[in-house]
């Protein structure tokens, strides 16, 4: 079997579910941190929104280790200190935009009626200690009275930091 075929057989499906009952604050979800000594290569990344009552823009960010440790999925409708804006609105304390950026008119990032959005267009690398954050665009209101939540789904390959990998592009 070729090196590339063997490499792609290592793809894993991962799911991280944020709190699914946000009403007073904007929904977000956070991945686990990349384990020490590892790199995650995202082959696909998507965010699914629970609410079908509204259309929302979902953006994906990579959060560095300095702030990733304190960024967690909440167990109730609340705010995360990682968001500098009210009600879990950006700007973020830190983060690198992974998804397509833009305004609320950006159709590529719209979650229409409980659908999912694509988080990356090409393979993306995430080093140890980093996390993925999916959150609602800052220009949109909270979903009160309809509950909302985000689930992150990913197809990724976990590699050691010193492992030789094939050219993915």
N, C-alpha and C. Protein backbone atom coordinates (compact mmCIF):
# COMPACT_ATOMS: atom_id res chain seq x y z
N UNK A 1 0.85 -1.18 0.00
CA UNK A 1 0.00 0.00 0.00
C UNK A 1 0.90 1.24 0.00
N UNK A 2 0.51 2.24 -0.75
CA UNK A 2 1.33 3.45 -0.82
C UNK A 2 1.30 4.19 0.51
N UNK A 3 2.32 5.02 0.68
CA UNK A 3 2.43 5.82 1.89
C UNK A 3 1.21 6.70 2.08
N UNK A 4 0.76 7.37 1.02
CA UNK A 4 -0.38 8.28 1.12
C UNK A 4 -1.67 7.53 1.47
N UNK A 5 -1.91 6.40 0.83
CA UNK A 5 -3.13 5.63 1.12
C UNK A 5 -3.13 5.18 2.57
N UNK A 6 -2.01 4.72 3.05
CA UNK A 6 -1.90 4.28 4.44
C UNK A 6 -2.12 5.47 5.39
N UNK A 7 -1.60 6.61 5.02
CA UNK A 7 -1.76 7.82 5.83
C UNK A 7 -3.23 8.21 5.94
N UNK A 8 -3.95 8.21 4.84
CA UNK A 8 -5.36 8.62 4.83
C UNK A 8 -6.26 7.61 5.56
N UNK A 9 -5.82 6.40 5.71
CA UNK A 9 -6.60 5.41 6.47
C UNK A 9 -6.66 5.77 7.94
N UNK A 10 -5.84 6.69 8.38
CA UNK A 10 -5.79 7.10 9.79
C UNK A 10 -6.82 8.19 10.13
N UNK A 11 -7.62 8.61 9.18
CA UNK A 11 -8.61 9.67 9.45
C UNK A 11 -9.59 9.21 10.53
N UNK A 12 -9.83 10.09 11.49
CA UNK A 12 -10.75 9.84 12.60
C UNK A 12 -11.89 10.85 12.54
N UNK A 13 -13.06 10.41 12.91
CA UNK A 13 -14.20 11.32 13.07
C UNK A 13 -14.26 11.75 14.52
N UNK A 14 -14.35 13.05 14.75
CA UNK A 14 -14.46 13.59 16.10
C UNK A 14 -15.66 14.52 16.17
N UNK A 15 -16.27 14.57 17.35
CA UNK A 15 -17.42 15.45 17.59
C UNK A 15 -17.28 16.09 18.96
N UNK A 16 -17.51 17.40 18.99
CA UNK A 16 -17.52 18.14 20.24
C UNK A 16 -18.82 18.93 20.28
N UNK A 17 -19.61 18.70 21.31
CA UNK A 17 -20.93 19.32 21.42
C UNK A 17 -20.91 20.40 22.49
N UNK A 18 -21.25 21.61 22.09
CA UNK A 18 -21.41 22.69 23.05
C UNK A 18 -22.77 22.59 23.72
N UNK A 19 -23.00 23.44 24.70
CA UNK A 19 -24.30 23.48 25.37
C UNK A 19 -25.38 23.74 24.32
N UNK A 20 -26.48 23.00 24.38
CA UNK A 20 -27.51 23.06 23.34
C UNK A 20 -28.75 23.85 23.75
N UNK A 21 -28.66 24.63 24.82
CA UNK A 21 -29.83 25.38 25.28
C UNK A 21 -29.61 26.87 25.42
N UNK A 22 -28.68 27.44 24.63
CA UNK A 22 -28.46 28.89 24.71
C UNK A 22 -29.72 29.63 24.27
N UNK A 23 -30.15 30.57 25.11
CA UNK A 23 -31.31 31.42 24.79
C UNK A 23 -30.93 32.89 24.99
N UNK A 24 -30.31 33.20 26.13
CA UNK A 24 -29.98 34.58 26.47
C UNK A 24 -28.60 35.00 25.97
N UNK A 25 -27.76 34.04 25.60
CA UNK A 25 -26.41 34.31 25.11
C UNK A 25 -26.21 33.55 23.81
N UNK A 26 -25.22 33.95 23.05
CA UNK A 26 -24.96 33.30 21.76
C UNK A 26 -24.24 31.97 21.95
N UNK A 27 -24.63 31.03 21.12
CA UNK A 27 -24.08 29.67 21.20
C UNK A 27 -22.65 29.62 20.71
N UNK A 28 -21.88 28.69 21.30
CA UNK A 28 -20.54 28.39 20.84
C UNK A 28 -20.20 26.96 21.24
N UNK A 29 -19.19 26.41 20.61
CA UNK A 29 -18.70 25.08 20.97
C UNK A 29 -17.18 25.10 20.85
N UNK A 30 -16.54 24.25 21.66
CA UNK A 30 -15.08 24.19 21.73
C UNK A 30 -14.63 22.74 21.62
N UNK A 31 -13.55 22.53 20.88
CA UNK A 31 -12.98 21.18 20.77
C UNK A 31 -12.10 20.89 21.98
N UNK A 32 -11.64 19.66 22.08
CA UNK A 32 -10.59 19.33 23.03
C UNK A 32 -9.31 20.00 22.55
N UNK A 33 -8.32 20.06 23.42
CA UNK A 33 -7.01 20.57 23.02
C UNK A 33 -6.24 19.45 22.31
N UNK A 34 -5.42 19.83 21.35
CA UNK A 34 -4.55 18.87 20.68
C UNK A 34 -3.58 18.33 21.74
N UNK A 35 -3.45 17.00 21.86
CA UNK A 35 -2.58 16.42 22.88
C UNK A 35 -1.11 16.83 22.71
N UNK A 36 -0.37 16.81 23.81
CA UNK A 36 1.06 17.13 23.79
C UNK A 36 1.80 16.20 22.83
N UNK A 37 2.71 16.77 22.07
CA UNK A 37 3.51 15.98 21.14
C UNK A 37 2.79 15.61 19.86
N UNK A 38 1.59 16.15 19.64
CA UNK A 38 0.77 15.80 18.47
C UNK A 38 0.42 17.04 17.66
N UNK A 39 0.03 16.80 16.42
CA UNK A 39 -0.53 17.80 15.53
C UNK A 39 -1.79 17.19 14.93
N UNK A 40 -2.86 17.99 14.84
CA UNK A 40 -4.07 17.53 14.16
C UNK A 40 -4.09 18.15 12.78
N UNK A 41 -4.36 17.32 11.78
CA UNK A 41 -4.55 17.80 10.42
C UNK A 41 -6.04 17.65 10.12
N UNK A 42 -6.72 18.77 9.99
CA UNK A 42 -8.16 18.74 9.71
C UNK A 42 -8.38 18.58 8.21
N UNK A 43 -9.02 17.48 7.85
CA UNK A 43 -9.40 17.26 6.46
C UNK A 43 -10.77 17.86 6.18
N UNK A 44 -11.61 17.90 7.21
CA UNK A 44 -12.90 18.58 7.11
C UNK A 44 -13.29 19.05 8.51
N UNK A 45 -14.08 20.09 8.54
CA UNK A 45 -14.52 20.69 9.80
C UNK A 45 -15.86 21.34 9.54
N UNK A 46 -16.85 21.03 10.37
CA UNK A 46 -18.16 21.64 10.18
C UNK A 46 -18.79 21.96 11.52
N UNK A 47 -19.72 22.89 11.47
CA UNK A 47 -20.47 23.28 12.66
C UNK A 47 -21.95 23.16 12.38
N UNK A 48 -22.64 22.40 13.21
CA UNK A 48 -24.08 22.21 13.08
C UNK A 48 -24.78 23.00 14.17
N UNK A 49 -25.79 23.78 13.78
CA UNK A 49 -26.58 24.53 14.75
C UNK A 49 -27.89 23.83 15.02
N UNK A 50 -28.27 23.80 16.28
CA UNK A 50 -29.49 23.16 16.73
C UNK A 50 -30.75 23.88 16.23
N UNK A 51 -30.75 25.19 16.35
CA UNK A 51 -31.96 25.97 16.07
C UNK A 51 -32.27 26.03 14.59
N UNK A 52 -33.52 25.74 14.26
CA UNK A 52 -33.96 25.90 12.87
C UNK A 52 -34.79 27.17 12.71
N UNK A 53 -34.96 27.92 13.80
CA UNK A 53 -35.81 29.11 13.78
C UNK A 53 -35.12 30.30 13.13
N UNK A 54 -33.79 30.32 13.11
CA UNK A 54 -33.06 31.48 12.61
C UNK A 54 -31.88 31.06 11.74
N UNK A 55 -31.46 31.99 10.90
CA UNK A 55 -30.24 31.82 10.11
C UNK A 55 -29.13 32.56 10.83
N UNK A 56 -27.99 31.89 11.02
CA UNK A 56 -26.86 32.50 11.71
C UNK A 56 -25.58 32.23 10.93
N UNK A 57 -24.63 33.15 11.07
CA UNK A 57 -23.29 32.97 10.52
C UNK A 57 -22.45 32.31 11.60
N UNK A 58 -21.78 31.20 11.27
CA UNK A 58 -20.91 30.51 12.21
C UNK A 58 -19.47 30.66 11.71
N UNK A 59 -18.60 31.12 12.59
CA UNK A 59 -17.18 31.25 12.27
C UNK A 59 -16.36 30.29 13.13
N UNK A 60 -15.24 29.85 12.59
CA UNK A 60 -14.33 28.92 13.27
C UNK A 60 -13.00 29.60 13.53
N UNK A 61 -12.51 29.45 14.75
CA UNK A 61 -11.24 30.03 15.15
C UNK A 61 -10.35 28.96 15.77
N UNK A 62 -9.05 29.12 15.60
CA UNK A 62 -8.07 28.32 16.33
C UNK A 62 -7.63 29.16 17.53
N UNK A 63 -7.69 28.58 18.71
CA UNK A 63 -7.37 29.30 19.94
C UNK A 63 -6.04 28.78 20.48
N UNK A 64 -5.06 29.68 20.72
CA UNK A 64 -3.73 29.25 21.16
C UNK A 64 -3.73 28.71 22.59
N UNK A 65 -2.70 27.92 22.92
CA UNK A 65 -2.63 27.26 24.23
C UNK A 65 -2.73 28.20 25.44
N UNK A 66 -2.21 29.41 25.33
CA UNK A 66 -2.25 30.34 26.47
C UNK A 66 -3.67 30.61 26.94
N UNK A 67 -4.63 30.56 26.03
CA UNK A 67 -6.03 30.81 26.39
C UNK A 67 -6.91 29.57 26.24
N UNK A 68 -6.44 28.57 25.53
CA UNK A 68 -7.25 27.37 25.28
C UNK A 68 -7.57 26.61 26.57
N UNK A 69 -6.66 26.63 27.53
CA UNK A 69 -6.88 25.89 28.78
C UNK A 69 -8.10 26.34 29.54
N UNK A 70 -8.44 27.62 29.46
CA UNK A 70 -9.60 28.14 30.20
C UNK A 70 -10.86 28.22 29.35
N UNK A 71 -10.76 27.85 28.07
CA UNK A 71 -11.92 27.88 27.19
C UNK A 71 -12.57 26.51 27.15
N UNK A 72 -13.79 26.42 27.66
CA UNK A 72 -14.49 25.13 27.76
C UNK A 72 -15.93 25.27 27.31
N UNK A 73 -16.54 24.14 26.97
CA UNK A 73 -17.97 24.12 26.69
C UNK A 73 -18.72 24.29 28.01
N UNK A 74 -19.70 25.17 28.01
CA UNK A 74 -20.47 25.44 29.22
C UNK A 74 -21.52 24.36 29.44
N UNK A 75 -21.96 24.24 30.69
CA UNK A 75 -23.00 23.28 31.05
C UNK A 75 -24.36 23.94 31.17
N UNK A 76 -24.41 25.27 30.99
CA UNK A 76 -25.65 26.02 31.07
C UNK A 76 -25.51 27.29 30.24
N UNK A 77 -26.63 27.96 29.99
CA UNK A 77 -26.62 29.21 29.24
C UNK A 77 -25.84 30.25 30.04
N UNK A 78 -24.71 30.68 29.53
CA UNK A 78 -23.88 31.63 30.24
C UNK A 78 -22.89 32.28 29.30
N UNK A 79 -21.95 33.02 29.88
CA UNK A 79 -20.94 33.69 29.06
C UNK A 79 -19.57 33.10 29.36
N UNK A 80 -18.73 33.15 28.36
CA UNK A 80 -17.35 32.71 28.49
C UNK A 80 -16.45 33.93 28.54
N UNK A 81 -15.47 33.96 29.44
CA UNK A 81 -14.56 35.11 29.50
C UNK A 81 -13.67 35.24 28.26
N UNK A 82 -13.73 34.25 27.36
CA UNK A 82 -12.92 34.33 26.14
C UNK A 82 -13.49 35.35 25.15
N UNK A 83 -14.77 35.69 25.30
CA UNK A 83 -15.40 36.68 24.44
C UNK A 83 -15.33 38.04 25.12
N UNK A 84 -14.83 39.05 24.41
CA UNK A 84 -14.73 40.39 24.98
C UNK A 84 -16.06 41.14 24.89
N UNK A 85 -16.93 40.72 23.96
CA UNK A 85 -18.23 41.36 23.80
C UNK A 85 -19.28 40.72 24.70
N UNK A 86 -20.38 41.42 24.89
CA UNK A 86 -21.49 40.91 25.70
C UNK A 86 -22.15 39.71 25.02
N UNK A 87 -22.72 38.82 25.79
CA UNK A 87 -23.50 37.68 25.30
C UNK A 87 -22.71 36.75 24.38
N UNK A 88 -21.43 36.56 24.66
CA UNK A 88 -20.54 35.71 23.85
C UNK A 88 -20.34 36.27 22.44
N UNK A 89 -20.19 37.58 22.35
CA UNK A 89 -19.90 38.25 21.10
C UNK A 89 -18.40 38.46 20.96
N UNK A 90 -17.87 38.28 19.73
CA UNK A 90 -16.49 38.72 19.48
C UNK A 90 -16.41 40.23 19.71
N UNK A 91 -15.22 40.78 19.91
CA UNK A 91 -13.93 40.16 19.65
C UNK A 91 -13.57 39.12 20.69
N UNK A 92 -12.65 38.24 20.29
CA UNK A 92 -12.16 37.19 21.16
C UNK A 92 -10.92 37.66 21.91
N UNK A 93 -10.67 37.02 23.05
CA UNK A 93 -9.46 37.29 23.80
C UNK A 93 -8.24 36.96 22.94
N UNK A 94 -8.32 35.86 22.19
CA UNK A 94 -7.28 35.47 21.23
C UNK A 94 -7.88 34.47 20.25
N UNK A 95 -7.27 34.33 19.10
CA UNK A 95 -7.75 33.36 18.13
C UNK A 95 -7.33 33.73 16.72
N UNK A 96 -7.27 32.72 15.87
CA UNK A 96 -6.93 32.88 14.47
C UNK A 96 -8.12 32.37 13.65
N UNK A 97 -8.64 33.19 12.75
CA UNK A 97 -9.79 32.80 11.95
C UNK A 97 -9.41 31.67 11.00
N UNK A 98 -10.14 30.55 11.06
CA UNK A 98 -9.93 29.42 10.15
C UNK A 98 -10.91 29.43 9.00
N UNK A 99 -12.12 29.85 9.26
CA UNK A 99 -13.18 29.81 8.24
C UNK A 99 -13.12 31.07 7.38
N UNK A 100 -13.99 31.12 6.40
CA UNK A 100 -14.11 32.30 5.57
C UNK A 100 -14.64 33.43 6.45
N UNK A 101 -14.01 34.58 6.39
CA UNK A 101 -14.46 35.72 7.19
C UNK A 101 -15.47 36.55 6.43
N UNK A 102 -16.05 37.52 7.09
CA UNK A 102 -16.98 38.39 6.38
C UNK A 102 -18.13 38.83 7.25
N UNK A 103 -19.12 39.36 6.60
CA UNK A 103 -20.27 39.93 7.30
C UNK A 103 -21.41 38.92 7.37
N UNK A 104 -22.51 39.38 7.92
CA UNK A 104 -23.68 38.51 8.04
C UNK A 104 -24.28 38.15 6.69
N UNK A 105 -23.89 38.85 5.63
CA UNK A 105 -24.38 38.53 4.30
C UNK A 105 -23.58 37.44 3.61
N UNK A 106 -22.62 36.85 4.30
CA UNK A 106 -21.74 35.85 3.72
C UNK A 106 -22.44 34.50 3.66
N UNK A 107 -22.92 34.12 2.51
CA UNK A 107 -23.74 32.92 2.39
C UNK A 107 -22.98 31.63 2.66
N UNK A 108 -21.67 31.59 2.42
CA UNK A 108 -20.90 30.37 2.65
C UNK A 108 -20.88 29.95 4.11
N UNK A 109 -21.07 30.88 5.01
CA UNK A 109 -20.99 30.57 6.44
C UNK A 109 -22.35 30.59 7.13
N UNK A 110 -23.45 30.70 6.36
CA UNK A 110 -24.78 30.74 6.95
C UNK A 110 -25.28 29.35 7.30
N UNK A 111 -25.74 29.22 8.52
CA UNK A 111 -26.40 28.00 8.97
C UNK A 111 -27.90 28.25 8.85
N UNK A 112 -28.47 27.71 7.79
CA UNK A 112 -29.89 27.92 7.50
C UNK A 112 -30.74 26.83 8.15
N UNK A 113 -31.65 27.22 9.00
CA UNK A 113 -32.63 26.29 9.53
C UNK A 113 -32.08 24.99 10.06
N UNK A 114 -31.13 25.04 10.97
CA UNK A 114 -30.60 23.83 11.58
C UNK A 114 -29.64 23.06 10.70
N UNK A 115 -28.95 23.73 9.81
CA UNK A 115 -28.00 23.05 8.93
C UNK A 115 -26.57 23.29 9.41
N UNK A 116 -25.61 22.67 8.74
CA UNK A 116 -24.22 22.84 9.13
C UNK A 116 -23.49 23.70 8.11
N UNK A 117 -22.34 24.23 8.52
CA UNK A 117 -21.49 25.04 7.65
C UNK A 117 -20.10 24.44 7.61
N UNK A 118 -19.41 24.65 6.50
CA UNK A 118 -18.06 24.16 6.31
C UNK A 118 -17.07 25.08 7.02
N UNK A 119 -16.19 24.51 7.84
CA UNK A 119 -15.25 25.31 8.61
C UNK A 119 -13.91 25.55 7.95
N UNK A 120 -13.49 24.66 7.05
CA UNK A 120 -12.20 24.84 6.36
C UNK A 120 -12.34 24.42 4.90
N UNK A 121 -11.56 25.05 4.03
CA UNK A 121 -11.59 24.72 2.61
C UNK A 121 -10.44 23.81 2.20
N UNK A 122 -9.33 23.88 2.89
CA UNK A 122 -8.16 23.06 2.62
C UNK A 122 -7.72 22.40 3.92
N UNK A 123 -6.89 21.38 3.86
CA UNK A 123 -6.38 20.81 5.12
C UNK A 123 -5.75 21.90 5.98
N UNK A 124 -6.07 21.88 7.27
CA UNK A 124 -5.53 22.84 8.23
C UNK A 124 -4.80 22.10 9.32
N UNK A 125 -3.70 22.66 9.76
CA UNK A 125 -2.88 22.06 10.80
C UNK A 125 -3.11 22.79 12.11
N UNK A 126 -3.24 22.03 13.19
CA UNK A 126 -3.42 22.61 14.51
C UNK A 126 -2.39 21.97 15.45
N UNK A 127 -1.46 22.76 16.00
CA UNK A 127 -0.42 22.20 16.86
C UNK A 127 -0.90 21.90 18.28
N UNK A 128 -0.04 21.26 19.04
CA UNK A 128 -0.39 20.83 20.39
C UNK A 128 -0.86 21.99 21.25
N UNK A 129 -1.87 21.69 22.07
CA UNK A 129 -2.40 22.66 23.01
C UNK A 129 -3.47 23.59 22.45
N UNK A 130 -3.61 23.66 21.14
CA UNK A 130 -4.60 24.54 20.52
C UNK A 130 -5.98 23.89 20.53
N UNK A 131 -7.03 24.72 20.44
CA UNK A 131 -8.41 24.25 20.36
C UNK A 131 -9.12 24.94 19.20
N UNK A 132 -10.23 24.34 18.76
CA UNK A 132 -11.11 24.95 17.77
C UNK A 132 -12.31 25.55 18.51
N UNK A 133 -12.69 26.75 18.12
CA UNK A 133 -13.87 27.42 18.65
C UNK A 133 -14.79 27.74 17.49
N UNK A 134 -16.05 27.33 17.58
CA UNK A 134 -17.08 27.70 16.61
C UNK A 134 -18.07 28.60 17.33
N UNK A 135 -18.36 29.78 16.75
CA UNK A 135 -19.25 30.72 17.44
C UNK A 135 -20.09 31.49 16.42
N UNK A 136 -21.15 32.12 16.94
CA UNK A 136 -22.09 32.90 16.14
C UNK A 136 -21.50 34.27 15.85
N UNK A 137 -21.71 34.79 14.64
CA UNK A 137 -21.24 36.10 14.23
C UNK A 137 -21.76 37.18 15.18
N UNK A 138 -20.94 38.20 15.41
CA UNK A 138 -21.26 39.22 16.40
C UNK A 138 -22.41 40.15 16.02
N UNK A 139 -22.76 40.23 14.76
CA UNK A 139 -23.81 41.17 14.35
C UNK A 139 -25.22 40.63 14.54
N UNK A 140 -25.34 39.40 15.02
CA UNK A 140 -26.65 38.78 15.10
C UNK A 140 -27.13 38.69 16.54
N UNK A 141 -28.42 38.79 16.72
CA UNK A 141 -29.01 38.79 18.06
C UNK A 141 -29.04 37.38 18.64
N UNK A 142 -29.29 37.29 19.94
CA UNK A 142 -29.48 35.99 20.58
C UNK A 142 -30.79 35.39 20.07
N UNK A 143 -31.00 34.11 20.31
CA UNK A 143 -32.15 33.41 19.72
C UNK A 143 -33.38 33.35 20.61
N UNK A 144 -33.37 34.02 21.74
CA UNK A 144 -34.49 34.01 22.68
C UNK A 144 -35.81 34.20 21.93
N UNK A 145 -36.82 33.36 22.07
CA UNK A 145 -36.99 32.28 23.03
C UNK A 145 -36.56 30.89 22.53
N UNK A 146 -36.12 30.78 21.28
CA UNK A 146 -35.73 29.46 20.75
C UNK A 146 -34.33 29.08 21.24
N UNK A 147 -34.17 27.86 21.72
CA UNK A 147 -32.85 27.39 22.18
C UNK A 147 -31.92 27.18 21.00
N UNK A 148 -30.63 27.40 21.23
CA UNK A 148 -29.63 27.24 20.18
C UNK A 148 -28.40 26.55 20.76
N UNK A 149 -27.63 25.93 19.89
CA UNK A 149 -26.39 25.28 20.28
C UNK A 149 -25.60 24.93 19.04
N UNK A 150 -24.31 24.67 19.20
CA UNK A 150 -23.43 24.31 18.09
C UNK A 150 -22.72 23.00 18.42
N UNK A 151 -22.61 22.15 17.41
CA UNK A 151 -21.83 20.92 17.49
C UNK A 151 -20.75 21.00 16.42
N UNK A 152 -19.52 20.73 16.81
CA UNK A 152 -18.40 20.71 15.87
C UNK A 152 -18.14 19.27 15.46
N UNK A 153 -18.09 19.01 14.17
CA UNK A 153 -17.71 17.71 13.63
C UNK A 153 -16.44 17.88 12.81
N UNK A 154 -15.54 16.91 12.93
CA UNK A 154 -14.28 17.00 12.22
C UNK A 154 -13.83 15.63 11.73
N UNK A 155 -13.14 15.65 10.61
CA UNK A 155 -12.39 14.48 10.14
C UNK A 155 -10.93 14.92 10.22
N UNK A 156 -10.18 14.25 11.06
CA UNK A 156 -8.80 14.68 11.29
C UNK A 156 -7.86 13.50 11.35
N UNK A 157 -6.61 13.80 11.16
CA UNK A 157 -5.53 12.82 11.31
C UNK A 157 -4.62 13.34 12.39
N UNK A 158 -4.37 12.53 13.40
CA UNK A 158 -3.47 12.91 14.48
C UNK A 158 -2.09 12.35 14.19
N UNK A 159 -1.10 13.22 14.16
CA UNK A 159 0.27 12.79 13.88
C UNK A 159 1.20 13.28 14.98
N UNK A 160 2.32 12.60 15.14
CA UNK A 160 3.35 13.05 16.07
C UNK A 160 4.03 14.27 15.47
N UNK A 161 4.52 15.16 16.33
CA UNK A 161 5.13 16.39 15.84
C UNK A 161 6.37 16.14 14.99
N UNK A 162 7.02 14.99 15.17
CA UNK A 162 8.22 14.70 14.38
C UNK A 162 7.98 13.71 13.25
N UNK A 163 6.70 13.44 12.94
CA UNK A 163 6.35 12.46 11.90
C UNK A 163 6.41 13.09 10.51
N UNK A 164 6.90 12.32 9.55
CA UNK A 164 6.90 12.75 8.16
C UNK A 164 5.50 12.52 7.58
N UNK A 165 4.96 13.58 6.95
CA UNK A 165 3.61 13.46 6.38
C UNK A 165 3.65 13.77 4.89
N UNK A 166 2.70 13.23 4.12
CA UNK A 166 2.68 13.51 2.69
C UNK A 166 2.23 14.92 2.38
N UNK A 167 2.55 15.40 1.21
CA UNK A 167 2.08 16.69 0.75
C UNK A 167 0.58 16.57 0.51
N UNK A 168 -0.21 17.35 1.24
CA UNK A 168 -1.67 17.21 1.18
C UNK A 168 -2.32 18.10 0.14
N UNK A 169 -1.57 18.98 -0.47
CA UNK A 169 -2.19 19.92 -1.42
C UNK A 169 -2.00 19.51 -2.84
